[in-house]
Amino acid sequence: MQVVDKLYPLISTVDLGKYAKLFQRELIAALHNQTSSLPTILNPIHRMSPNPGMGVAVAIGGTNGYASAFRISKKGVITFLNRKPFSIPEKSTKYELFHLISKNILKVTRGRKNTFNIGIGFAYPLKPLLHHRFIDGQLLSMTKGRNIEGLVGKKVGQEYHKFLIKEYGIDTTVAVANDAICLLLGGDGVDVAGVVGTGLNFAYWERREAIAPLKLSELSGFAQAEVAINIESADFDKIEGNLLRALVDKTSEDRGRSLSEKEVSGAYLYQIFNAGKDKILGSFPELSSTDQLNDILTDAFIYPKAVKNDTKKIAKLFVDRIFHRSAQIVAIQLCGILTKIKKTHGIVPIVMEGGIFWQAKNYPSLVNLYVNMILPEVIPSFARLFGSSRRGIAILAKGGA
């Protein structure tokens, strides 16, 4: 374990609290238009109730996506009629992505081209804007090891709307928002929502008076008492680095950015393992996905015959360390948010999504463990509400009231 401790140490209990306070300070600084590593993007969205009608919810994640047709009753009950999943390629063009979305929309609508509203939850940084009452987003950058050529800098909804008319003869409204914002909106009244999967992000509701007027000027014409905040928390960079993170960052496409994400998310955790395996394990096969890390922890990994039992035990300890440090960083960010919104006592419901959070062995318990070290009087109640993100996308698609 000495080699593991040296190459990839856990964050001490004292530093956990220190970094949570730093995260809170970075959040406050961003809300006051001061220098911060957190983009903290304001969204012109409030706690909306759904409008009745038909539509299609589309999710574009870091690894996977889906299209799902829905119906909203006059009483606001949302019913999802079907769901068509698809994979997101690591590299594609704007037109390839738009064709992929369109083909799956036509599958869930059974080829019908009559008018239906479309909502898209997009797992990448967006600059929100209102366009004829519907939210749209200008793509700021690509993250999570993905690249969509020709879309960065474009207004995703407007671009897709023009594409639908030209290529498919479909003229309808298209609403676009960040996936964490969609999760927050569809989260049944929760104050905080997070995504720990291929990427990392948190969103929360903030009081209008807690935001500096200059920052609020980004939301011209939006006068609601609460604002949905997309933190883009992957960019938090105040946690002291280490050799393995530096090696992973050096070979990444967004070098020097998304430093928290590179120690938390599925896009990078297996790369942390690969960066350290030679010094820690000696001869060991290269991993190609973070799912294999979980396989090592759960004894489902198929080792080459040459790998000895002692090496397998050390591999398991190394993987355990990787997931523990990942959970520590998630706990740091979460506690920074909870302290900011004064939710530091009692049970606090939090909606979470993402394969790392829900599929990695004991991950919610690990996050809970480290949250308790930072804020011992708070009890985070992590919920995986079925369809929360889809619900949020559906509300946006129909221009919720």
Protein backbone atom coordinates (compact mmCIF):
# COMPACT_ATOMS: atom_id res chain seq x y z
CA MET A 1 0.00 0.00 0.00
CA GLN A 2 2.98 2.34 0.44
CA VAL A 3 3.39 2.69 -3.32
CA VAL A 4 -0.35 3.36 -3.70
CA ASP A 5 -0.24 5.95 -0.89
CA LYS A 6 2.65 7.71 -2.58
CA LEU A 7 1.26 7.71 -6.11
CA TYR A 8 -2.43 8.15 -5.33
CA PRO A 9 -3.09 9.29 -1.74
CA LEU A 10 -6.45 9.73 -0.09
CA ILE A 11 -7.44 13.25 0.93
CA SER A 12 -7.03 13.72 4.69
CA THR A 13 -10.03 14.48 6.90
CA VAL A 14 -8.73 18.00 7.54
CA ASP A 15 -8.26 18.64 3.83
CA LEU A 16 -11.73 17.31 3.03
CA GLY A 17 -13.21 20.14 5.10
CA LYS A 18 -10.75 22.67 3.69
CA TYR A 19 -11.57 21.80 0.09
CA ALA A 20 -15.34 21.87 0.76
CA LYS A 21 -14.95 25.44 2.05
CA LEU A 22 -12.85 26.31 -1.00
CA PHE A 23 -15.57 24.91 -3.27
CA GLN A 24 -18.14 27.07 -1.48
CA ARG A 25 -15.90 30.13 -1.86
CA GLU A 26 -15.38 29.43 -5.56
CA LEU A 27 -19.15 29.15 -5.98
CA ILE A 28 -19.75 32.46 -4.19
CA ALA A 29 -16.99 34.14 -6.19
CA ALA A 30 -18.51 32.93 -9.47
CA LEU A 31 -21.97 34.21 -8.46
CA HIS A 32 -20.39 37.63 -7.84
CA ASN A 33 -18.55 37.76 -11.17
CA GLN A 34 -15.19 37.25 -9.51
CA THR A 35 -12.39 34.94 -10.63
CA SER A 36 -13.34 31.29 -10.07
CA SER A 37 -12.56 27.87 -11.50
CA LEU A 38 -16.31 27.14 -11.53
CA PRO A 39 -18.18 28.42 -14.62
CA THR A 40 -21.45 28.54 -12.60
CA ILE A 41 -23.87 29.12 -15.48
CA LEU A 42 -27.23 30.75 -14.73
CA ASN A 43 -30.23 29.23 -16.50
CA PRO A 44 -33.51 31.11 -17.18
CA ILE A 45 -35.51 28.28 -15.63
CA HIS A 46 -37.71 28.18 -12.53
CA ARG A 47 -39.60 25.35 -10.83
CA MET A 48 -42.01 24.82 -13.71
CA SER A 49 -45.19 22.76 -13.87
CA PRO A 50 -45.69 20.78 -17.10
CA ASN A 51 -47.94 21.96 -19.93
CA PRO A 52 -50.21 19.33 -21.56
CA GLY A 53 -49.42 17.79 -24.93
CA MET A 54 -47.18 15.36 -26.80
CA GLY A 55 -43.46 15.50 -27.37
CA VAL A 56 -40.12 13.72 -27.47
CA ALA A 57 -37.41 13.85 -24.80
CA VAL A 58 -33.85 13.30 -26.06
CA ALA A 59 -30.75 12.84 -23.89
CA ILE A 60 -27.22 13.25 -25.21
CA GLY A 61 -24.83 11.94 -22.57
CA GLY A 62 -21.13 11.28 -22.44
CA THR A 63 -21.43 7.65 -23.55
CA ASN A 64 -25.10 6.93 -24.23
CA GLY A 65 -28.24 8.71 -25.32
CA TYR A 66 -31.93 7.99 -25.79
CA ALA A 67 -35.13 9.28 -27.37
CA SER A 68 -38.42 8.85 -25.56
CA ALA A 69 -41.91 9.90 -26.66
CA PHE A 70 -44.15 11.31 -23.91
CA ARG A 71 -47.64 12.57 -23.21
CA ILE A 72 -48.56 15.17 -20.56
CA SER A 73 -52.15 15.13 -19.33
CA LYS A 74 -54.20 18.23 -18.47
CA LYS A 75 -53.49 17.44 -14.79
CA GLY A 76 -49.73 17.55 -15.46
CA VAL A 77 -49.12 13.80 -15.31
CA ILE A 78 -46.22 12.82 -17.60
CA THR A 79 -46.40 9.41 -19.25
CA PHE A 80 -43.43 8.09 -21.21
CA LEU A 81 -44.63 5.89 -24.05
CA ASN A 82 -41.36 4.25 -25.09
CA ARG A 83 -37.59 4.67 -24.98
CA LYS A 84 -34.96 4.06 -27.66
CA PRO A 85 -31.34 4.03 -26.38
CA PHE A 86 -28.31 4.66 -28.59
CA SER A 87 -24.55 5.07 -28.20
CA ILE A 88 -22.68 8.36 -28.54
CA PRO A 89 -19.50 7.96 -30.63
CA GLU A 90 -16.28 9.44 -29.27
CA LYS A 91 -15.92 11.50 -32.45
CA SER A 92 -18.67 12.67 -34.78
CA THR A 93 -19.80 15.69 -36.76
CA LYS A 94 -22.76 17.94 -36.06
CA TYR A 95 -24.66 16.38 -38.96
CA GLU A 96 -23.88 12.81 -37.89
CA LEU A 97 -25.17 13.55 -34.39
CA PHE A 98 -28.29 15.27 -35.71
CA HIS A 99 -29.06 12.34 -38.02
CA LEU A 100 -28.58 9.95 -35.10
CA ILE A 101 -31.03 11.93 -32.97
CA SER A 102 -33.56 12.26 -35.80
CA LYS A 103 -33.57 8.56 -36.69
CA ASN A 104 -34.28 7.65 -33.08
CA ILE A 105 -36.98 10.30 -32.76
CA LEU A 106 -38.72 8.84 -35.81
CA LYS A 107 -38.50 5.37 -34.25
CA VAL A 108 -40.23 6.43 -31.03
CA THR A 109 -42.86 8.44 -32.95
CA ARG A 110 -43.30 5.55 -35.41
CA GLY A 111 -42.32 7.69 -38.36
CA ARG A 112 -44.97 10.33 -37.81
CA LYS A 113 -43.87 13.80 -38.85
CA ASN A 114 -46.77 15.76 -37.43
CA THR A 115 -45.81 18.52 -35.04
CA PHE A 116 -44.43 17.41 -31.67
CA ASN A 117 -42.21 19.43 -29.35
CA ILE A 118 -38.64 18.24 -28.79
CA GLY A 119 -36.56 18.67 -25.65
CA ILE A 120 -32.85 17.79 -25.51
CA GLY A 121 -30.79 17.26 -22.36
CA PHE A 122 -27.17 17.89 -23.32
CA ALA A 123 -24.31 16.63 -21.13
CA TYR A 124 -21.87 19.37 -22.16
CA PRO A 125 -21.33 23.00 -21.11
CA LEU A 126 -23.97 25.30 -22.60
CA LYS A 127 -24.51 29.04 -22.47
CA PRO A 128 -28.30 29.26 -21.98
CA LEU A 129 -30.55 31.69 -23.83
CA LEU A 130 -34.26 32.12 -24.44
CA HIS A 131 -35.58 31.86 -27.99
CA HIS A 132 -39.31 32.43 -28.49
CA ARG A 133 -40.08 31.30 -24.89
CA PHE A 134 -38.02 28.10 -25.20
CA ILE A 135 -34.59 27.61 -23.69
CA ASP A 136 -31.67 26.97 -26.02
CA GLY A 137 -27.96 26.61 -25.41
CA GLN A 138 -24.78 27.66 -27.16
CA LEU A 139 -22.25 24.82 -26.88
CA LEU A 140 -19.20 26.22 -25.09
CA SER A 141 -16.85 23.24 -25.28
CA MET A 142 -16.64 19.47 -25.52
CA THR A 143 -15.70 17.39 -22.46
CA LYS A 144 -15.73 13.75 -21.29
CA GLY A 145 -13.31 12.72 -24.03
CA ARG A 146 -15.91 13.37 -26.74
CA ASN A 147 -15.81 15.62 -29.81
CA ILE A 148 -18.67 16.79 -32.04
CA GLU A 149 -17.07 18.63 -34.93
CA GLY A 150 -18.83 21.80 -36.08
CA LEU A 151 -21.11 22.27 -33.06
CA VAL A 152 -18.96 24.18 -30.55
CA GLY A 153 -20.00 27.85 -30.55
CA LYS A 154 -23.38 27.06 -32.14
CA LYS A 155 -26.87 27.37 -30.67
CA VAL A 156 -27.75 23.71 -30.49
CA GLY A 157 -31.54 24.03 -30.58
CA GLN A 158 -31.63 26.50 -33.45
CA GLU A 159 -29.08 24.48 -35.43
CA TYR A 160 -31.09 21.30 -34.94
CA HIS A 161 -34.37 23.07 -35.78
CA LYS A 162 -32.96 24.23 -39.15
CA PHE A 163 -31.53 20.75 -39.77
CA LEU A 164 -34.92 19.08 -39.12
CA ILE A 165 -36.67 21.34 -41.60
CA LYS A 166 -34.05 20.85 -44.31
CA GLU A 167 -33.36 17.13 -43.93
CA TYR A 168 -36.64 15.69 -42.62
CA GLY A 169 -39.33 18.27 -43.38
CA ILE A 170 -40.17 18.60 -39.67
CA ASP A 171 -40.88 22.08 -38.32
CA THR A 172 -41.24 22.10 -34.54
CA THR A 173 -39.86 23.73 -31.40
CA VAL A 174 -36.60 22.48 -29.91
CA ALA A 175 -35.63 23.21 -26.30
CA VAL A 176 -32.08 22.44 -25.11
CA ALA A 177 -30.58 22.49 -21.61
CA ASN A 178 -27.70 20.94 -19.71
CA ASP A 179 -28.44 17.43 -18.41
CA ALA A 180 -27.86 18.39 -14.76
CA ILE A 181 -30.39 21.23 -15.12
CA CYS A 182 -32.91 18.78 -16.61
CA LEU A 183 -32.32 16.43 -13.69
CA LEU A 184 -32.84 19.28 -11.22
CA LEU A 185 -36.04 20.44 -12.92
CA GLY A 186 -37.47 16.91 -12.99
CA GLY A 187 -36.28 16.01 -9.49
CA ASP A 188 -39.60 16.29 -7.66
CA GLY A 189 -38.75 19.48 -5.79
CA VAL A 190 -35.19 18.67 -4.67
CA ASP A 191 -32.73 21.54 -4.19
CA VAL A 192 -29.63 19.75 -5.53
CA ALA A 193 -29.02 17.30 -8.39
CA GLY A 194 -25.81 15.67 -9.54
CA VAL A 195 -24.39 13.52 -12.30
CA VAL A 196 -21.47 11.16 -11.64
CA GLY A 197 -21.09 9.00 -14.72
CA THR A 198 -18.97 9.50 -17.81
CA GLY A 199 -18.61 13.07 -16.51
CA LEU A 200 -19.16 15.04 -13.30
CA ASN A 201 -21.51 17.93 -12.59
CA PHE A 202 -23.92 19.42 -10.06
CA ALA A 203 -26.87 21.80 -10.36
CA TYR A 204 -28.95 23.52 -7.69
CA TRP A 205 -31.58 26.20 -7.09
CA GLU A 206 -30.19 29.54 -5.93
CA ARG A 207 -32.01 32.55 -4.50
CA ARG A 208 -31.97 35.52 -6.85
CA GLU A 209 -30.76 37.89 -4.12
CA ALA A 210 -27.65 35.72 -3.60
CA ILE A 211 -26.42 36.57 -7.12
CA ALA A 212 -24.66 39.84 -7.96
CA PRO A 213 -26.64 42.19 -10.26
CA LEU A 214 -23.87 42.13 -12.87
CA LYS A 215 -24.03 38.32 -12.98
CA LEU A 216 -27.84 38.46 -13.15
CA SER A 217 -27.57 40.63 -16.24
CA GLU A 218 -26.82 37.38 -18.09
CA LEU A 219 -30.53 36.59 -17.65
CA SER A 220 -32.09 39.61 -19.31
CA GLY A 221 -35.87 39.49 -19.02
CA PHE A 222 -35.91 36.65 -16.44
CA ALA A 223 -37.37 37.87 -13.13
CA GLN A 224 -38.12 34.72 -11.13
CA ALA A 225 -37.13 34.53 -7.44
CA GLU A 226 -35.05 31.39 -7.97
CA VAL A 227 -32.46 30.58 -10.60
CA ALA A 228 -31.28 27.15 -11.76
CA ILE A 229 -27.47 27.03 -11.50
CA ASN A 230 -25.37 24.70 -13.65
CA ILE A 231 -22.07 24.69 -11.75
CA GLU A 232 -19.99 22.74 -14.31
CA SER A 233 -18.22 21.38 -11.25
CA ALA A 234 -15.86 19.22 -13.32
CA ASP A 235 -13.63 22.31 -13.56
CA PHE A 236 -13.00 22.69 -9.79
CA ASP A 237 -9.19 22.89 -9.62
CA LYS A 238 -8.30 23.65 -5.99
CA ILE A 239 -7.57 20.05 -4.92
CA GLU A 240 -3.86 19.34 -4.76
CA GLY A 241 -2.76 17.24 -7.71
CA ASN A 242 -0.83 14.00 -7.86
CA LEU A 243 1.36 12.16 -10.36
CA LEU A 244 -1.39 9.96 -11.81
CA ARG A 245 -3.81 12.83 -12.41
CA ALA A 246 -1.00 14.76 -14.06
CA LEU A 247 -0.27 11.84 -16.41
CA VAL A 248 -3.93 11.49 -17.39
CA ASP A 249 -4.31 15.24 -17.87
CA LYS A 250 -1.19 15.37 -20.05
CA THR A 251 -2.71 13.04 -22.64
CA SER A 252 -6.24 14.48 -22.53
CA GLU A 253 -7.81 16.68 -25.20
CA ASP A 254 -8.67 19.41 -22.66
CA ARG A 255 -5.33 19.59 -20.87
CA GLY A 256 -5.40 21.73 -17.73
CA ARG A 257 -9.22 21.67 -17.54
CA SER A 258 -11.84 19.38 -15.97
CA LEU A 259 -9.33 18.41 -13.26
CA SER A 260 -11.96 17.18 -10.79
CA GLU A 261 -13.68 15.17 -13.51
CA LYS A 262 -10.38 13.43 -14.29
CA GLU A 263 -10.35 11.89 -10.80
CA VAL A 264 -14.07 11.18 -10.51
CA SER A 265 -15.72 10.14 -13.75
CA GLY A 266 -15.99 7.04 -15.87
CA ALA A 267 -14.26 8.71 -18.80
CA TYR A 268 -11.02 8.87 -16.82
CA LEU A 269 -10.87 6.50 -13.81
CA TYR A 270 -9.59 3.55 -15.84
CA GLN A 271 -6.92 5.89 -17.24
CA ILE A 272 -5.81 6.65 -13.66
CA PHE A 273 -5.43 2.88 -13.17
CA ASN A 274 -3.45 2.51 -16.40
CA ALA A 275 -1.20 5.43 -15.44
CA GLY A 276 -0.22 3.76 -12.17
CA LYS A 277 -0.41 0.04 -12.88
CA ASP A 278 3.20 -0.48 -13.99
CA LYS A 279 4.70 1.03 -10.83
CA ILE A 280 2.12 -0.53 -8.51
CA LEU A 281 1.47 -3.92 -10.13
CA GLY A 282 4.28 -4.53 -12.57
CA SER A 283 3.09 -6.51 -15.56
CA PHE A 284 -0.71 -6.07 -15.83
CA PRO A 285 -3.09 -5.74 -18.81
CA GLU A 286 -4.20 -2.28 -19.92
CA LEU A 287 -7.82 -1.51 -19.12
CA SER A 288 -10.17 -0.03 -21.72
CA SER A 289 -13.13 1.05 -19.56
CA THR A 290 -14.03 2.00 -16.01
CA ASP A 291 -16.49 -0.91 -15.93
CA GLN A 292 -13.42 -3.15 -15.66
CA LEU A 293 -12.43 -1.40 -12.43
CA ASN A 294 -15.74 -2.43 -10.92
CA ASP A 295 -15.19 -5.96 -12.25
CA ILE A 296 -11.88 -6.08 -10.34
CA LEU A 297 -13.63 -4.99 -7.13
CA THR A 298 -16.45 -7.51 -7.51
CA ASP A 299 -14.18 -10.41 -8.59
CA ALA A 300 -15.76 -10.49 -12.04
CA PHE A 301 -12.58 -9.49 -13.89
CA ILE A 302 -10.99 -12.21 -16.03
CA TYR A 303 -7.26 -12.08 -15.34
CA PRO A 304 -4.60 -13.46 -17.68
CA LYS A 305 -3.17 -16.71 -16.31
CA ALA A 306 0.19 -15.05 -15.69
CA VAL A 307 -1.24 -12.65 -13.07
CA LYS A 308 -0.47 -13.95 -9.56
CA ASN A 309 -2.87 -13.90 -6.61
CA ASP A 310 -0.77 -11.34 -4.73
CA THR A 311 -0.96 -9.03 -7.75
CA LYS A 312 -4.72 -9.48 -7.88
CA LYS A 313 -5.01 -8.41 -4.23
CA ILE A 314 -2.93 -5.29 -4.83
CA ALA A 315 -4.96 -4.50 -7.97
CA LYS A 316 -8.10 -4.66 -5.87
CA LEU A 317 -6.61 -2.31 -3.27
CA PHE A 318 -5.55 0.12 -6.00
CA VAL A 319 -9.03 0.12 -7.56
CA ASP A 320 -10.59 0.60 -4.13
CA ARG A 321 -8.35 3.63 -3.61
CA ILE A 322 -9.38 5.09 -6.98
CA PHE A 323 -13.09 4.85 -6.13
CA HIS A 324 -12.55 6.19 -2.61
CA ARG A 325 -10.74 9.29 -3.90
CA SER A 326 -13.46 9.76 -6.52
CA ALA A 327 -16.12 9.64 -3.79
CA GLN A 328 -14.11 12.08 -1.67
CA ILE A 329 -14.17 14.69 -4.44
CA VAL A 330 -17.91 14.22 -4.97
CA ALA A 331 -18.44 14.65 -1.20
CA ILE A 332 -16.30 17.81 -1.20
CA GLN A 333 -18.38 19.40 -3.95
CA LEU A 334 -21.68 18.33 -2.46
CA CYS A 335 -20.78 19.69 0.98
CA GLY A 336 -19.67 22.97 -0.57
CA ILE A 337 -23.11 23.31 -2.20
CA LEU A 338 -25.03 22.29 0.94
CA THR A 339 -23.09 24.80 3.01
CA LYS A 340 -23.79 27.50 0.43
CA ILE A 341 -27.56 26.91 0.55
CA LYS A 342 -27.55 26.34 4.34
CA LYS A 343 -28.65 22.71 4.21
CA THR A 344 -26.21 21.36 6.81
CA HIS A 345 -28.55 19.61 9.26
CA GLY A 346 -30.96 16.70 9.00
CA ILE A 347 -32.06 14.76 5.94
CA VAL A 348 -31.43 16.42 2.57
CA PRO A 349 -32.89 14.74 -0.56
CA ILE A 350 -30.49 14.78 -3.52
CA VAL A 351 -31.26 13.34 -6.95
CA MET A 352 -28.29 11.61 -8.56
CA GLU A 353 -27.68 10.06 -11.96
CA GLY A 354 -24.76 8.29 -13.58
CA GLY A 355 -23.23 4.85 -13.90
CA ILE A 356 -20.36 5.51 -11.51
CA PHE A 357 -22.66 6.67 -8.73
CA TRP A 358 -25.19 3.86 -9.02
CA GLN A 359 -23.20 0.95 -10.44
CA ALA A 360 -19.73 1.17 -8.87
CA LYS A 361 -19.57 -1.02 -5.76
CA ASN A 362 -20.88 0.75 -2.63
CA TYR A 363 -20.32 4.17 -4.22
CA PRO A 364 -23.28 6.01 -2.58
CA SER A 365 -22.13 4.68 0.80
CA LEU A 366 -18.61 5.94 0.15
CA VAL A 367 -19.89 9.42 -0.67
CA ASN A 368 -22.07 9.31 2.45
CA LEU A 369 -19.04 8.33 4.53
CA TYR A 370 -17.01 11.33 3.40
CA VAL A 371 -19.96 13.75 3.59
CA ASN A 372 -20.32 12.70 7.24
CA MET A 373 -16.65 13.55 7.85
CA ILE A 374 -17.19 17.07 6.49
CA LEU A 375 -20.75 17.80 7.67
CA PRO A 376 -21.53 15.32 10.46
CA GLU A 377 -25.03 16.70 11.11
CA VAL A 378 -26.36 16.30 7.58
CA ILE A 379 -27.82 13.08 6.17
CA PRO A 380 -27.84 13.09 2.36
CA SER A 381 -30.73 11.02 1.04
CA PHE A 382 -29.60 9.98 -2.42
CA ALA A 383 -32.47 9.22 -4.76
CA ARG A 384 -32.53 7.69 -8.21
CA LEU A 385 -35.98 8.85 -9.22
CA PHE A 386 -36.99 6.93 -12.31
CA GLY A 387 -37.33 9.28 -15.24
CA SER A 388 -36.24 12.45 -13.37
CA SER A 389 -34.05 13.67 -16.21
CA ARG A 390 -36.64 12.68 -18.83
CA ARG A 391 -39.31 14.47 -16.81
CA GLY A 392 -37.22 17.64 -16.77
CA ILE A 393 -36.57 17.42 -20.50
CA ALA A 394 -40.31 16.90 -21.15
CA ILE A 395 -41.23 19.98 -19.08
CA LEU A 396 -38.73 22.07 -21.06
CA ALA A 397 -39.95 20.67 -24.38
CA LYS A 398 -43.49 21.84 -23.64
CA GLY A 399 -42.36 25.23 -22.30
CA GLY A 400 -43.56 24.53 -18.75
CA ALA A 401 -45.52 27.19 -16.92
